[in-house]
Amino acid sequence: MVRYSGVLVMVTALGSSVPLFAQSLTTPGTSKPIERQVAAAVREAFPKDSKIGYVDLDRVAALSNEGKSATAQLAALRTKKAAEVAERSKQVEALQQKLSAGGAVLNEAAVTRLQREFQRAQLDFQRFNEDAQAELQDRQQQLWRAFTTRLFPVVGQVATERNLWAVLSSETNLLWHLPAIDLSDEIARRLDAAPPQQ
């Protein structure tokens, strides 16, 4: 929890992606899904007497330039690491095939040496894979921290301007909310307009 100007801002920084389960129904003659049309119309009419707001952090990340940039950086790193892991995997498979094919032809000392080499390669591959996953998770956390560091003051500013008591995030155990109190689009626009941090 973070406090800004007497306004309680409840936003968790877990960064987990929430699957979208809504169906994409469309209005005849349009290509815009019905729930987006309704949500956009309702969001425009934020209740003046509301004391609570709601922010879908995944949507803010998807709409804002900073969120898009972070997503692109993670995708590039994920692609790079996947290629490196695939290359290491091929090396281990090649050793395994060499061991299988040479078992009947090679002498006992050569087979033993090849088995050790294969076991070392397998262990190295496992460590490399774990390191790659840890690097991805670490980078994701760094990007999420940087994103929320810029996000929280914007949420606090909007909450203060609207005289809200609290702003809930999509990661809280929120069972229902009036779509009109969803500030996600406004937060994404303000985040893009905010000056970069130094």
N, C-alpha and C. Protein backbone atom coordinates (compact mmCIF):
# COMPACT_ATOMS: atom_id res chain seq x y z
N MET A 1 0.83 -1.17 0.00
CA MET A 1 0.00 0.00 0.00
C MET A 1 0.88 1.24 0.00
N VAL A 2 0.46 2.24 -0.76
CA VAL A 2 1.22 3.48 -0.86
C VAL A 2 0.27 4.62 -0.60
N ARG A 3 0.70 5.65 0.15
CA ARG A 3 -0.14 6.79 0.46
C ARG A 3 0.29 8.00 -0.35
N TYR A 4 -0.66 8.66 -0.97
CA TYR A 4 -0.42 9.90 -1.70
C TYR A 4 -1.46 10.92 -1.28
N SER A 5 -1.02 12.02 -0.73
CA SER A 5 -1.89 13.16 -0.38
C SER A 5 -3.15 12.72 0.36
N GLY A 6 -3.01 11.86 1.34
CA GLY A 6 -4.16 11.44 2.13
C GLY A 6 -5.08 10.46 1.42
N VAL A 7 -4.72 10.03 0.23
CA VAL A 7 -5.54 9.09 -0.51
C VAL A 7 -4.90 7.71 -0.41
N LEU A 8 -5.67 6.74 -0.08
CA LEU A 8 -5.16 5.38 0.03
C LEU A 8 -5.19 4.74 -1.35
N VAL A 9 -4.03 4.34 -1.84
CA VAL A 9 -3.95 3.70 -3.14
C VAL A 9 -3.56 2.25 -2.91
N MET A 10 -4.48 1.34 -3.16
CA MET A 10 -4.22 -0.09 -2.94
C MET A 10 -3.94 -0.73 -4.27
N VAL A 11 -2.67 -0.95 -4.57
CA VAL A 11 -2.28 -1.56 -5.83
C VAL A 11 -1.21 -2.59 -5.52
N THR A 12 -1.43 -3.83 -5.92
CA THR A 12 -0.41 -4.84 -5.72
C THR A 12 0.45 -4.93 -6.95
N ALA A 13 1.73 -5.15 -6.77
CA ALA A 13 2.68 -5.17 -7.89
C ALA A 13 3.11 -6.59 -8.21
N LEU A 14 2.15 -7.46 -8.45
CA LEU A 14 2.49 -8.85 -8.75
C LEU A 14 2.80 -9.06 -10.21
N GLY A 15 2.18 -8.30 -11.07
CA GLY A 15 2.49 -8.40 -12.49
C GLY A 15 2.01 -9.67 -13.16
N SER A 16 1.13 -10.41 -12.51
CA SER A 16 0.67 -11.64 -13.14
C SER A 16 -0.30 -11.29 -14.25
N SER A 17 -0.29 -12.06 -15.31
CA SER A 17 -1.22 -11.79 -16.39
C SER A 17 -2.51 -12.54 -16.13
N VAL A 18 -3.62 -11.83 -16.23
CA VAL A 18 -4.92 -12.41 -15.97
C VAL A 18 -5.56 -12.76 -17.30
N PRO A 19 -5.99 -14.02 -17.51
CA PRO A 19 -6.58 -14.39 -18.79
C PRO A 19 -7.92 -13.69 -18.97
N LEU A 20 -8.21 -13.33 -20.19
CA LEU A 20 -9.49 -12.71 -20.50
C LEU A 20 -10.47 -13.80 -20.90
N PHE A 21 -11.58 -13.87 -20.18
CA PHE A 21 -12.55 -14.91 -20.44
C PHE A 21 -13.78 -14.39 -21.18
N ALA A 22 -13.86 -13.08 -21.35
CA ALA A 22 -15.03 -12.50 -22.01
C ALA A 22 -15.08 -12.91 -23.47
N GLN A 23 -16.27 -13.20 -23.95
CA GLN A 23 -16.42 -13.53 -25.36
C GLN A 23 -16.48 -12.24 -26.16
N SER A 24 -16.03 -12.30 -27.39
CA SER A 24 -16.03 -11.13 -28.24
C SER A 24 -17.28 -11.09 -29.11
N LEU A 25 -18.40 -10.71 -28.52
CA LEU A 25 -19.63 -10.56 -29.28
C LEU A 25 -19.59 -9.21 -29.97
N THR A 26 -20.13 -9.13 -31.16
CA THR A 26 -20.11 -7.85 -31.86
C THR A 26 -21.53 -7.42 -32.20
N THR A 27 -21.70 -6.11 -32.27
CA THR A 27 -22.98 -5.55 -32.67
C THR A 27 -23.08 -5.66 -34.18
N PRO A 28 -24.27 -6.02 -34.71
CA PRO A 28 -24.41 -6.11 -36.17
C PRO A 28 -24.01 -4.78 -36.82
N GLY A 29 -23.22 -4.88 -37.88
CA GLY A 29 -22.78 -3.71 -38.61
C GLY A 29 -21.54 -3.05 -38.05
N THR A 30 -21.00 -3.57 -36.94
CA THR A 30 -19.76 -3.01 -36.38
C THR A 30 -18.80 -4.15 -36.12
N SER A 31 -17.55 -3.79 -35.93
CA SER A 31 -16.55 -4.81 -35.61
C SER A 31 -16.09 -4.69 -34.17
N LYS A 32 -16.67 -3.74 -33.42
CA LYS A 32 -16.26 -3.50 -32.04
C LYS A 32 -17.04 -4.44 -31.11
N PRO A 33 -16.37 -5.20 -30.26
CA PRO A 33 -17.07 -6.10 -29.34
C PRO A 33 -18.03 -5.32 -28.44
N ILE A 34 -19.18 -5.93 -28.13
CA ILE A 34 -20.22 -5.28 -27.34
C ILE A 34 -19.70 -4.86 -25.98
N GLU A 35 -18.97 -5.76 -25.29
CA GLU A 35 -18.54 -5.39 -23.95
C GLU A 35 -17.58 -4.20 -23.96
N ARG A 36 -16.80 -4.02 -25.01
CA ARG A 36 -15.92 -2.84 -25.11
C ARG A 36 -16.74 -1.58 -25.33
N GLN A 37 -17.80 -1.69 -26.15
CA GLN A 37 -18.65 -0.52 -26.40
C GLN A 37 -19.34 -0.09 -25.11
N VAL A 38 -19.92 -1.06 -24.40
CA VAL A 38 -20.62 -0.75 -23.16
C VAL A 38 -19.64 -0.22 -22.12
N ALA A 39 -18.50 -0.90 -21.96
CA ALA A 39 -17.51 -0.49 -20.96
C ALA A 39 -17.00 0.92 -21.26
N ALA A 40 -16.76 1.24 -22.53
CA ALA A 40 -16.27 2.57 -22.89
C ALA A 40 -17.32 3.62 -22.57
N ALA A 41 -18.58 3.34 -22.87
CA ALA A 41 -19.65 4.30 -22.59
C ALA A 41 -19.83 4.50 -21.09
N VAL A 42 -19.76 3.40 -20.34
CA VAL A 42 -19.95 3.49 -18.90
C VAL A 42 -18.75 4.17 -18.24
N ARG A 43 -17.53 3.87 -18.71
CA ARG A 43 -16.33 4.47 -18.13
C ARG A 43 -16.31 5.98 -18.30
N GLU A 44 -16.91 6.46 -19.39
CA GLU A 44 -16.92 7.90 -19.64
C GLU A 44 -17.73 8.62 -18.57
N ALA A 45 -18.68 7.94 -17.96
CA ALA A 45 -19.55 8.56 -16.97
C ALA A 45 -19.15 8.13 -15.57
N PHE A 46 -17.90 8.45 -15.18
CA PHE A 46 -17.45 8.11 -13.83
C PHE A 46 -18.35 8.82 -12.83
N PRO A 47 -18.94 8.09 -11.88
CA PRO A 47 -19.87 8.73 -10.93
C PRO A 47 -19.17 9.80 -10.09
N LYS A 48 -19.76 11.00 -10.07
CA LYS A 48 -19.14 12.12 -9.33
C LYS A 48 -19.11 11.86 -7.84
N ASP A 49 -20.04 11.08 -7.33
CA ASP A 49 -20.10 10.82 -5.90
C ASP A 49 -19.32 9.57 -5.49
N SER A 50 -18.66 8.92 -6.43
CA SER A 50 -17.90 7.70 -6.11
C SER A 50 -16.69 8.05 -5.25
N LYS A 51 -16.41 7.22 -4.28
CA LYS A 51 -15.24 7.40 -3.42
C LYS A 51 -14.22 6.30 -3.64
N ILE A 52 -14.50 5.40 -4.59
CA ILE A 52 -13.60 4.29 -4.88
C ILE A 52 -13.40 4.21 -6.39
N GLY A 53 -12.17 3.98 -6.80
CA GLY A 53 -11.85 3.76 -8.20
C GLY A 53 -11.25 2.39 -8.39
N TYR A 54 -11.13 1.99 -9.63
CA TYR A 54 -10.61 0.66 -9.96
C TYR A 54 -9.65 0.81 -11.14
N VAL A 55 -8.53 0.08 -11.09
CA VAL A 55 -7.57 0.11 -12.19
C VAL A 55 -7.18 -1.32 -12.56
N ASP A 56 -7.31 -1.65 -13.83
CA ASP A 56 -6.87 -2.93 -14.35
C ASP A 56 -5.42 -2.74 -14.80
N LEU A 57 -4.48 -3.20 -13.99
CA LEU A 57 -3.06 -2.98 -14.27
C LEU A 57 -2.62 -3.61 -15.58
N ASP A 58 -3.17 -4.76 -15.91
CA ASP A 58 -2.81 -5.40 -17.18
C ASP A 58 -3.25 -4.53 -18.36
N ARG A 59 -4.43 -3.93 -18.24
CA ARG A 59 -4.90 -3.09 -19.34
C ARG A 59 -4.08 -1.82 -19.44
N VAL A 60 -3.72 -1.23 -18.29
CA VAL A 60 -2.86 -0.04 -18.32
C VAL A 60 -1.53 -0.38 -18.98
N ALA A 61 -0.97 -1.54 -18.63
CA ALA A 61 0.30 -1.96 -19.24
C ALA A 61 0.14 -2.18 -20.74
N ALA A 62 -1.01 -2.72 -21.16
CA ALA A 62 -1.24 -2.98 -22.58
C ALA A 62 -1.50 -1.71 -23.37
N LEU A 63 -2.09 -0.70 -22.74
CA LEU A 63 -2.44 0.54 -23.43
C LEU A 63 -1.32 1.57 -23.44
N SER A 64 -0.52 1.61 -22.38
CA SER A 64 0.48 2.67 -22.25
C SER A 64 1.74 2.36 -23.05
N ASN A 65 2.41 3.40 -23.47
CA ASN A 65 3.67 3.24 -24.23
C ASN A 65 4.72 2.52 -23.39
N GLU A 66 4.79 2.87 -22.11
CA GLU A 66 5.78 2.23 -21.23
C GLU A 66 5.51 0.74 -21.07
N GLY A 67 4.24 0.38 -20.94
CA GLY A 67 3.87 -1.03 -20.83
C GLY A 67 4.17 -1.79 -22.10
N LYS A 68 3.88 -1.16 -23.24
CA LYS A 68 4.18 -1.80 -24.53
C LYS A 68 5.68 -2.00 -24.71
N SER A 69 6.47 -1.01 -24.28
CA SER A 69 7.92 -1.11 -24.39
C SER A 69 8.46 -2.25 -23.52
N ALA A 70 7.95 -2.33 -22.29
CA ALA A 70 8.38 -3.40 -21.38
C ALA A 70 8.00 -4.77 -21.95
N THR A 71 6.81 -4.87 -22.51
CA THR A 71 6.36 -6.13 -23.10
C THR A 71 7.27 -6.53 -24.27
N ALA A 72 7.64 -5.55 -25.10
CA ALA A 72 8.52 -5.82 -26.24
C ALA A 72 9.91 -6.26 -25.77
N GLN A 73 10.43 -5.60 -24.71
CA GLN A 73 11.74 -5.98 -24.18
C GLN A 73 11.72 -7.41 -23.65
N LEU A 74 10.66 -7.75 -22.92
CA LEU A 74 10.55 -9.12 -22.39
C LEU A 74 10.42 -10.14 -23.51
N ALA A 75 9.64 -9.81 -24.53
CA ALA A 75 9.46 -10.74 -25.65
C ALA A 75 10.79 -10.98 -26.37
N ALA A 76 11.59 -9.92 -26.55
CA ALA A 76 12.89 -10.05 -27.22
C ALA A 76 13.83 -10.92 -26.39
N LEU A 77 13.85 -10.69 -25.07
CA LEU A 77 14.72 -11.49 -24.19
C LEU A 77 14.25 -12.95 -24.18
N ARG A 78 12.94 -13.15 -24.14
CA ARG A 78 12.39 -14.52 -24.13
C ARG A 78 12.76 -15.25 -25.42
N THR A 79 12.68 -14.56 -26.56
CA THR A 79 13.04 -15.16 -27.86
C THR A 79 14.53 -15.52 -27.89
N LYS A 80 15.35 -14.60 -27.39
CA LYS A 80 16.80 -14.83 -27.36
C LYS A 80 17.14 -16.04 -26.49
N LYS A 81 16.57 -16.08 -25.29
CA LYS A 81 16.86 -17.18 -24.37
C LYS A 81 16.33 -18.51 -24.91
N ALA A 82 15.18 -18.48 -25.55
CA ALA A 82 14.61 -19.72 -26.13
C ALA A 82 15.53 -20.26 -27.22
N ALA A 83 16.10 -19.37 -28.03
CA ALA A 83 17.03 -19.80 -29.09
C ALA A 83 18.30 -20.41 -28.47
N GLU A 84 18.80 -19.78 -27.42
CA GLU A 84 20.00 -20.30 -26.75
C GLU A 84 19.74 -21.65 -26.11
N VAL A 85 18.58 -21.80 -25.48
CA VAL A 85 18.22 -23.08 -24.86
C VAL A 85 18.06 -24.15 -25.93
N ALA A 86 17.44 -23.81 -27.05
CA ALA A 86 17.26 -24.77 -28.15
C ALA A 86 18.61 -25.23 -28.70
N GLU A 87 19.56 -24.31 -28.82
CA GLU A 87 20.90 -24.65 -29.31
C GLU A 87 21.60 -25.61 -28.35
N ARG A 88 21.51 -25.32 -27.06
CA ARG A 88 22.11 -26.21 -26.06
C ARG A 88 21.44 -27.58 -26.07
N SER A 89 20.15 -27.58 -26.26
CA SER A 89 19.40 -28.84 -26.32
C SER A 89 19.88 -29.71 -27.49
N LYS A 90 20.12 -29.07 -28.63
CA LYS A 90 20.63 -29.80 -29.80
C LYS A 90 21.99 -30.43 -29.51
N GLN A 91 22.83 -29.71 -28.79
CA GLN A 91 24.16 -30.23 -28.45
C GLN A 91 24.04 -31.48 -27.56
N VAL A 92 23.14 -31.43 -26.60
CA VAL A 92 22.93 -32.59 -25.72
C VAL A 92 22.36 -33.76 -26.52
N GLU A 93 21.42 -33.48 -27.40
CA GLU A 93 20.84 -34.55 -28.24
C GLU A 93 21.89 -35.18 -29.14
N ALA A 94 22.79 -34.35 -29.67
CA ALA A 94 23.85 -34.87 -30.55
C ALA A 94 24.76 -35.82 -29.76
N LEU A 95 25.10 -35.45 -28.54
CA LEU A 95 25.92 -36.32 -27.70
C LEU A 95 25.19 -37.62 -27.37
N GLN A 96 23.90 -37.51 -27.12
CA GLN A 96 23.12 -38.70 -26.81
C GLN A 96 23.08 -39.65 -28.02
N GLN A 97 22.89 -39.10 -29.21
CA GLN A 97 22.88 -39.92 -30.42
C GLN A 97 24.25 -40.55 -30.65
N LYS A 98 25.30 -39.77 -30.41
CA LYS A 98 26.67 -40.28 -30.57
C LYS A 98 26.91 -41.44 -29.61
N LEU A 99 26.41 -41.30 -28.40
CA LEU A 99 26.58 -42.34 -27.39
C LEU A 99 25.79 -43.60 -27.79
N SER A 100 24.58 -43.40 -28.26
CA SER A 100 23.74 -44.54 -28.68
C SER A 100 24.35 -45.27 -29.88
N ALA A 101 24.80 -44.49 -30.84
CA ALA A 101 25.36 -45.10 -32.06
C ALA A 101 26.73 -45.73 -31.82
N GLY A 102 27.51 -45.12 -30.94
CA GLY A 102 28.88 -45.61 -30.73
C GLY A 102 29.01 -46.67 -29.68
N GLY A 103 27.94 -46.98 -28.95
CA GLY A 103 28.00 -47.96 -27.87
C GLY A 103 28.50 -49.31 -28.32
N ALA A 104 28.08 -49.74 -29.49
CA ALA A 104 28.47 -51.07 -29.98
C ALA A 104 29.83 -51.04 -30.67
N VAL A 105 30.26 -49.89 -31.16
CA VAL A 105 31.49 -49.78 -31.95
C VAL A 105 32.69 -49.39 -31.09
N LEU A 106 32.49 -48.51 -30.11
CA LEU A 106 33.59 -47.97 -29.31
C LEU A 106 34.02 -48.94 -28.21
N ASN A 107 35.29 -48.79 -27.79
CA ASN A 107 35.76 -49.61 -26.67
C ASN A 107 35.19 -49.04 -25.37
N GLU A 108 35.40 -49.76 -24.29
CA GLU A 108 34.80 -49.42 -23.00
C GLU A 108 35.26 -48.05 -22.48
N ALA A 109 36.53 -47.73 -22.63
CA ALA A 109 37.07 -46.45 -22.17
C ALA A 109 36.44 -45.29 -22.94
N ALA A 110 36.27 -45.44 -24.24
CA ALA A 110 35.68 -44.39 -25.07
C ALA A 110 34.20 -44.20 -24.71
N VAL A 111 33.50 -45.31 -24.45
CA VAL A 111 32.09 -45.22 -24.06
C VAL A 111 31.96 -44.52 -22.72
N THR A 112 32.83 -44.86 -21.76
CA THR A 112 32.81 -44.22 -20.44
C THR A 112 33.06 -42.72 -20.57
N ARG A 113 34.04 -42.35 -21.38
CA ARG A 113 34.37 -40.93 -21.59
C ARG A 113 33.18 -40.20 -22.23
N LEU A 114 32.55 -40.83 -23.19
CA LEU A 114 31.39 -40.24 -23.87
C LEU A 114 30.19 -40.11 -22.92
N GLN A 115 30.03 -41.10 -22.03
CA GLN A 115 28.95 -41.03 -21.04
C GLN A 115 29.16 -39.86 -20.08
N ARG A 116 30.40 -39.67 -19.63
CA ARG A 116 30.72 -38.54 -18.73
C ARG A 116 30.47 -37.20 -19.44
N GLU A 117 30.90 -37.14 -20.69
CA GLU A 117 30.70 -35.92 -21.47
C GLU A 117 29.20 -35.62 -21.63
N PHE A 118 28.42 -36.66 -21.89
CA PHE A 118 26.98 -36.51 -22.03
C PHE A 118 26.34 -36.05 -20.71
N GLN A 119 26.75 -36.67 -19.60
CA GLN A 119 26.21 -36.29 -18.29
C GLN A 119 26.55 -34.84 -17.94
N ARG A 120 27.80 -34.44 -18.24
CA ARG A 120 28.21 -33.04 -18.01
C ARG A 120 27.37 -32.08 -18.86
N ALA A 121 27.17 -32.44 -20.12
CA ALA A 121 26.39 -31.61 -21.03
C ALA A 121 24.93 -31.50 -20.55
N GLN A 122 24.40 -32.62 -20.07
CA GLN A 122 23.03 -32.61 -19.54
C GLN A 122 22.92 -31.68 -18.34
N LEU A 123 23.86 -31.79 -17.42
CA LEU A 123 23.88 -30.95 -16.22
C LEU A 123 24.05 -29.48 -16.59
N ASP A 124 24.98 -29.19 -17.53
CA ASP A 124 25.17 -27.82 -17.99
C ASP A 124 23.90 -27.27 -18.62
N PHE A 125 23.23 -28.10 -19.41
CA PHE A 125 21.98 -27.68 -20.05
C PHE A 125 20.92 -27.34 -19.00
N GLN A 126 20.79 -28.19 -17.99
CA GLN A 126 19.80 -27.97 -16.94
C GLN A 126 20.09 -26.65 -16.21
N ARG A 127 21.36 -26.42 -15.87
CA ARG A 127 21.74 -25.17 -15.19
C ARG A 127 21.49 -23.97 -16.08
N PHE A 128 21.84 -24.09 -17.36
CA PHE A 128 21.65 -22.99 -18.30
C PHE A 128 20.17 -22.65 -18.42
N ASN A 129 19.33 -23.67 -18.51
CA ASN A 129 17.89 -23.49 -18.61
C ASN A 129 17.35 -22.77 -17.37
N GLU A 130 17.78 -23.21 -16.19
CA GLU A 130 17.35 -22.59 -14.94
C GLU A 130 17.83 -21.14 -14.86
N ASP A 131 19.07 -20.89 -15.28
CA ASP A 131 19.61 -19.52 -15.28
C ASP A 131 18.83 -18.63 -16.24
N ALA A 132 18.46 -19.17 -17.40
CA ALA A 132 17.70 -18.40 -18.38
C ALA A 132 16.32 -18.03 -17.81
N GLN A 133 15.67 -18.98 -17.15
CA GLN A 133 14.37 -18.69 -16.54
C GLN A 133 14.51 -17.66 -15.43
N ALA A 134 15.55 -17.78 -14.61
CA ALA A 134 15.77 -16.82 -13.53
C ALA A 134 16.04 -15.43 -14.09
N GLU A 135 16.81 -15.35 -15.18
CA GLU A 135 17.10 -14.06 -15.81
C GLU A 135 15.83 -13.42 -16.34
N LEU A 136 14.96 -14.21 -16.96
CA LEU A 136 13.69 -13.69 -17.46
C LEU A 136 12.82 -13.17 -16.32
N GLN A 137 12.72 -13.94 -15.25
CA GLN A 137 11.91 -13.52 -14.10
C GLN A 137 12.48 -12.25 -13.48
N ASP A 138 13.80 -12.18 -13.36
CA ASP A 138 14.44 -11.01 -12.79
C ASP A 138 14.17 -9.78 -13.65
N ARG A 139 14.30 -9.93 -14.96
CA ARG A 139 14.06 -8.80 -15.86
C ARG A 139 12.60 -8.36 -15.81
N GLN A 140 11.68 -9.33 -15.73
CA GLN A 140 10.26 -9.01 -15.64
C GLN A 140 9.99 -8.21 -14.36
N GLN A 141 10.59 -8.63 -13.25
CA GLN A 141 10.41 -7.91 -11.99
C GLN A 141 11.00 -6.50 -12.06
N GLN A 142 12.17 -6.36 -12.68
CA GLN A 142 12.77 -5.03 -12.84
C GLN A 142 11.85 -4.11 -13.64
N LEU A 143 11.35 -4.62 -14.76
CA LEU A 143 10.48 -3.81 -15.60
C LEU A 143 9.18 -3.47 -14.88
N TRP A 144 8.64 -4.43 -14.12
CA TRP A 144 7.40 -4.19 -13.38
C TRP A 144 7.62 -3.13 -12.30
N ARG A 145 8.76 -3.22 -11.60
CA ARG A 145 9.06 -2.21 -10.57
C ARG A 145 9.17 -0.82 -11.19
N ALA A 146 9.87 -0.73 -12.33
CA ALA A 146 10.02 0.56 -13.02
C ALA A 146 8.65 1.08 -13.46
N PHE A 147 7.80 0.19 -13.97
CA PHE A 147 6.47 0.57 -14.42
C PHE A 147 5.63 1.09 -13.26
N THR A 148 5.60 0.34 -12.15
CA THR A 148 4.77 0.75 -11.01
C THR A 148 5.33 2.00 -10.33
N THR A 149 6.64 2.20 -10.38
CA THR A 149 7.23 3.42 -9.81
C THR A 149 6.68 4.65 -10.52
N ARG A 150 6.49 4.54 -11.83
CA ARG A 150 5.90 5.66 -12.58
C ARG A 150 4.38 5.67 -12.47
N LEU A 151 3.78 4.50 -12.30
CA LEU A 151 2.33 4.39 -12.26
C LEU A 151 1.72 4.94 -10.97
N PHE A 152 2.29 4.62 -9.82
CA PHE A 152 1.68 4.98 -8.54
C PHE A 152 1.44 6.49 -8.39
N PRO A 153 2.39 7.35 -8.73
CA PRO A 153 2.10 8.79 -8.61
C PRO A 153 0.94 9.24 -9.52
N VAL A 154 0.82 8.63 -10.69
CA VAL A 154 -0.27 8.98 -11.61
C VAL A 154 -1.60 8.55 -11.00
N VAL A 155 -1.65 7.34 -10.43
CA VAL A 155 -2.86 6.87 -9.77
C VAL A 155 -3.20 7.80 -8.61
N GLY A 156 -2.20 8.17 -7.83
CA GLY A 156 -2.42 9.09 -6.70
C GLY A 156 -2.95 10.44 -7.16
N GLN A 157 -2.42 10.95 -8.27
CA GLN A 157 -2.87 12.24 -8.81
C GLN A 157 -4.35 12.17 -9.23
N VAL A 158 -4.70 11.12 -9.98
CA VAL A 158 -6.09 10.96 -10.43
C VAL A 158 -7.01 10.78 -9.23
N ALA A 159 -6.60 9.98 -8.25
CA ALA A 159 -7.42 9.75 -7.06
C ALA A 159 -7.63 11.04 -6.28
N THR A 160 -6.59 11.84 -6.16
CA THR A 160 -6.69 13.11 -5.45
C THR A 160 -7.62 14.07 -6.19
N GLU A 161 -7.47 14.15 -7.49
CA GLU A 161 -8.33 15.04 -8.28
C GLU A 161 -9.80 14.65 -8.18
N ARG A 162 -10.05 13.36 -8.10
CA ARG A 162 -11.44 12.89 -8.03
C ARG A 162 -11.93 12.73 -6.59
N ASN A 163 -11.07 13.08 -5.63
CA ASN A 163 -11.41 13.00 -4.20
C ASN A 163 -11.84 11.59 -3.80
N LEU A 164 -11.06 10.59 -4.24
CA LEU A 164 -11.37 9.19 -3.94
C LEU A 164 -10.75 8.78 -2.61
N TRP A 165 -11.39 7.83 -1.96
CA TRP A 165 -10.86 7.26 -0.73
C TRP A 165 -9.89 6.13 -1.02
N ALA A 166 -10.16 5.39 -2.08
CA ALA A 166 -9.32 4.22 -2.39
C ALA A 166 -9.38 3.93 -3.89
N VAL A 167 -8.29 3.33 -4.38
CA VAL A 167 -8.24 2.83 -5.76
C VAL A 167 -7.82 1.37 -5.66
N LEU A 168 -8.66 0.49 -6.15
CA LEU A 168 -8.37 -0.94 -6.10
C LEU A 168 -7.78 -1.38 -7.43
N SER A 169 -6.96 -2.42 -7.37
CA SER A 169 -6.36 -2.94 -8.60
C SER A 169 -7.00 -4.26 -8.99
N SER A 170 -6.69 -4.68 -10.21
CA SER A 170 -7.23 -5.94 -10.72
C SER A 170 -6.66 -7.15 -9.99
N GLU A 171 -5.55 -6.99 -9.27
CA GLU A 171 -4.94 -8.13 -8.57
C GLU A 171 -5.54 -8.36 -7.19
N THR A 172 -6.36 -7.44 -6.69
CA THR A 172 -6.99 -7.66 -5.39
C THR A 172 -8.14 -8.65 -5.57
N ASN A 173 -8.62 -9.17 -4.47
CA ASN A 173 -9.73 -10.13 -4.54
C ASN A 173 -11.05 -9.38 -4.69
N LEU A 174 -11.16 -8.65 -5.76
CA LEU A 174 -12.35 -7.88 -6.04
C LEU A 174 -13.36 -8.78 -6.74
N LEU A 175 -14.51 -8.94 -6.14
CA LEU A 175 -15.51 -9.85 -6.70
C LEU A 175 -16.40 -9.17 -7.73
N TRP A 176 -16.58 -7.87 -7.62
CA TRP A 176 -17.41 -7.14 -8.56
C TRP A 176 -17.08 -5.66 -8.45
N HIS A 177 -17.22 -4.96 -9.56
CA HIS A 177 -17.10 -3.50 -9.52
C HIS A 177 -17.95 -2.91 -10.63
N LEU A 178 -18.45 -1.74 -10.39
CA LEU A 178 -19.21 -1.01 -11.40
C LEU A 178 -18.23 -0.58 -12.47
N PRO A 179 -18.45 -0.95 -13.72
CA PRO A 179 -17.50 -0.56 -14.78
C PRO A 179 -17.23 0.94 -14.84
N ALA A 180 -18.17 1.75 -14.37
CA ALA A 180 -17.99 3.20 -14.43
C ALA A 180 -16.83 3.69 -13.56
N ILE A 181 -16.46 2.92 -12.53
CA ILE A 181 -15.36 3.38 -11.66
C ILE A 181 -13.99 2.91 -12.15
N ASP A 182 -13.95 2.31 -13.33
CA ASP A 182 -12.69 1.82 -13.91
C ASP A 182 -11.90 3.00 -14.47
N LEU A 183 -10.75 3.27 -13.90
CA LEU A 183 -9.89 4.40 -14.29
C LEU A 183 -8.75 3.97 -15.22
N SER A 184 -8.73 2.73 -15.66
CA SER A 184 -7.58 2.18 -16.38
C SER A 184 -7.19 2.99 -17.61
N ASP A 185 -8.17 3.35 -18.45
CA ASP A 185 -7.85 4.10 -19.67
C ASP A 185 -7.27 5.47 -19.34
N GLU A 186 -7.87 6.14 -18.36
CA GLU A 186 -7.37 7.47 -17.96
C GLU A 186 -5.96 7.36 -17.40
N ILE A 187 -5.72 6.35 -16.59
CA ILE A 187 -4.38 6.16 -16.00
C ILE A 187 -3.36 5.91 -17.10
N ALA A 188 -3.70 5.10 -18.10
CA ALA A 188 -2.77 4.82 -19.21
C ALA A 188 -2.46 6.10 -19.98
N ARG A 189 -3.49 6.93 -20.25
CA ARG A 189 -3.26 8.20 -20.96
C ARG A 189 -2.37 9.13 -20.15
N ARG A 190 -2.64 9.23 -18.85
CA ARG A 190 -1.85 10.12 -18.00
C ARG A 190 -0.41 9.62 -17.85
N LEU A 191 -0.25 8.31 -17.80
CA LEU A 191 1.09 7.74 -17.69
C LEU A 191 1.91 8.09 -18.92
N ASP A 192 1.29 8.02 -20.09
CA ASP A 192 1.98 8.39 -21.33
C ASP A 192 2.32 9.88 -21.36
N ALA A 193 1.46 10.71 -20.74
CA ALA A 193 1.68 12.15 -20.75
C ALA A 193 2.66 12.60 -19.67
N ALA A 194 2.90 11.75 -18.66
CA ALA A 194 3.80 12.12 -17.55
C ALA A 194 5.23 12.25 -18.05
N PRO A 195 5.97 13.23 -17.51
CA PRO A 195 7.36 13.37 -17.94
C PRO A 195 8.20 12.17 -17.50
N PRO A 196 9.19 11.78 -18.30
CA PRO A 196 10.02 10.63 -17.94
C PRO A 196 10.81 10.91 -16.67
N GLN A 197 11.01 9.84 -15.88
CA GLN A 197 11.80 9.98 -14.65
C GLN A 197 13.27 9.99 -14.98
N GLN A 198 14.03 10.71 -14.15
CA GLN A 198 15.47 10.76 -14.35
C GLN A 198 16.20 9.98 -13.32
